[in-house]
Each structure stands twice: as C-alpha cells, then as structure tokens.
C-alpha cells in the first residue's frame, strides 16, 4: 500500500469520525431535551385535564 493511499484512508476515516461525533453529540442533546419535555408533559397534562391549570 502506497503512502498516498494510507493518507487518503486516514483523511476519509477522520472525516467520518468528525461527522459521526457531531451526530452522536446531537443525538445525546435531543434525547436529553426529549426527557425534559416528557417530564414537563407528565407534570402539566394531568393538571390541565383536571382543570387545576387553566391557560
């Protein structure tokens, strides 16, 4: 395998790693937001349905 082939593969793997890292970071953030929204829903919806909370 030539040095240029190794360099090309390294750049390809590095580019993939960068993209994958960003996507995984975004997944973690979205999961956390989803948990927070679910908690807010679970807290507020029963109050809204019972009439305790009026908007």
C-alpha atoms as a PDB file:
ATOM      1  CA  UNK A   1       0.000   0.000   0.000  1.00  0.00           C
ATOM      2  CA  UNK A   2       1.429   3.353  -1.008  1.00  0.00           C
ATOM      3  CA  UNK A   3       1.828   6.242   1.408  1.00  0.00           C
ATOM      4  CA  UNK A   4      -0.721   8.307  -0.545  1.00  0.00           C
ATOM      5  CA  UNK A   5      -3.286   5.507  -0.140  1.00  0.00           C
ATOM      6  CA  UNK A   6      -2.730   5.445   3.613  1.00  0.00           C
ATOM      7  CA  UNK A   7      -3.017   9.232   3.788  1.00  0.00           C
ATOM      8  CA  UNK A   8      -6.254   9.149   1.773  1.00  0.00           C
ATOM      9  CA  UNK A   9      -7.708   6.466   4.030  1.00  0.00           C
ATOM     10  CA  UNK A  10      -6.682   8.415   7.115  1.00  0.00           C
ATOM     11  CA  UNK A  11      -8.419  11.552   5.808  1.00  0.00           C
ATOM     12  CA  UNK A  12     -11.532   9.548   4.990  1.00  0.00           C
ATOM     13  CA  UNK A  13     -11.636   7.947   8.437  1.00  0.00           C
ATOM     14  CA  UNK A  14     -11.005  11.322  10.082  1.00  0.00           C
ATOM     15  CA  UNK A  15     -13.830  12.944   8.129  1.00  0.00           C
ATOM     16  CA  UNK A  16     -16.187  10.110   9.051  1.00  0.00           C
ATOM     17  CA  UNK A  17     -15.165  10.324  12.705  1.00  0.00           C
ATOM     18  CA  UNK A  18     -15.825  14.054  12.773  1.00  0.00           C
ATOM     19  CA  UNK A  19     -19.281  13.631  11.231  1.00  0.00           C
ATOM     20  CA  UNK A  20     -20.179  10.687  13.461  1.00  0.00           C
ATOM     21  CA  UNK A  21     -19.023  12.529  16.578  1.00  0.00           C
ATOM     22  CA  UNK A  22     -21.218  15.519  15.754  1.00  0.00           C
ATOM     23  CA  UNK A  23     -24.230  13.303  15.050  1.00  0.00           C
ATOM     24  CA  UNK A  24     -23.788  11.369  18.292  1.00  0.00           C
ATOM     25  CA  UNK A  25     -23.482  14.638  20.209  1.00  0.00           C
ATOM     26  CA  UNK A  26     -26.716  15.873  18.633  1.00  0.00           C
ATOM     27  CA  UNK A  27     -28.445  12.586  19.499  1.00  0.00           C
ATOM     28  CA  UNK A  28     -27.426  12.984  23.156  1.00  0.00           C
ATOM     29  CA  UNK A  29     -28.745  16.565  23.244  1.00  0.00           C
ATOM     30  CA  UNK A  30     -32.041  15.589  21.608  1.00  0.00           C
ATOM     31  CA  UNK A  31     -32.514  12.650  23.990  1.00  0.00           C
ATOM     32  CA  UNK A  32     -31.994  14.976  26.968  1.00  0.00           C
ATOM     33  CA  UNK A  33     -34.473  17.500  25.553  1.00  0.00           C
ATOM     34  CA  UNK A  34     -36.956  14.698  24.952  1.00  0.00           C
ATOM     35  CA  UNK A  35     -36.649  13.564  28.589  1.00  0.00           C
ATOM     36  CA  UNK A  36     -37.231  17.125  29.802  1.00  0.00           C
ATOM     37  CA  UNK A  37     -40.251  17.608  27.555  1.00  0.00           C
ATOM     38  CA  UNK A  38     -41.714  14.275  28.650  1.00  0.00           C
ATOM     39  CA  UNK A  39     -41.293  15.284  32.306  1.00  0.00           C
ATOM     40  CA  UNK A  40     -43.000  18.633  31.675  1.00  0.00           C
ATOM     41  CA  UNK A  41     -45.860  16.885  29.857  1.00  0.00           C
ATOM     42  CA  UNK A  42     -46.296  14.350  32.632  1.00  0.00           C
ATOM     43  CA  UNK A  43     -46.397  17.137  35.201  1.00  0.00           C
ATOM     44  CA  UNK A  44     -48.666  19.558  33.362  1.00  0.00           C
ATOM     45  CA  UNK A  45     -51.116  17.397  31.421  1.00  0.00           C
ATOM     46  CA  UNK A  46     -52.922  15.920  34.446  1.00  0.00           C
ATOM     47  CA  UNK A  47     -53.300  19.416  35.915  1.00  0.00           C
ATOM     48  CA  UNK A  48     -54.649  20.725  32.622  1.00  0.00           C
ATOM     49  CA  UNK A  49     -57.081  17.821  32.214  1.00  0.00           C
ATOM     50  CA  UNK A  50     -58.401  18.185  35.792  1.00  0.00           C
ATOM     51  CA  UNK A  51     -58.968  21.908  35.399  1.00  0.00           C
ATOM     52  CA  UNK A  52     -56.417  22.724  38.090  1.00  0.00           C
ATOM     53  CA  UNK A  53     -54.376  24.536  35.446  1.00  0.00           C
ATOM     54  CA  UNK A  54     -56.115  26.982  33.126  1.00  0.00           C
ATOM     55  CA  UNK A  55     -54.477  28.550  30.120  1.00  0.00           C
END
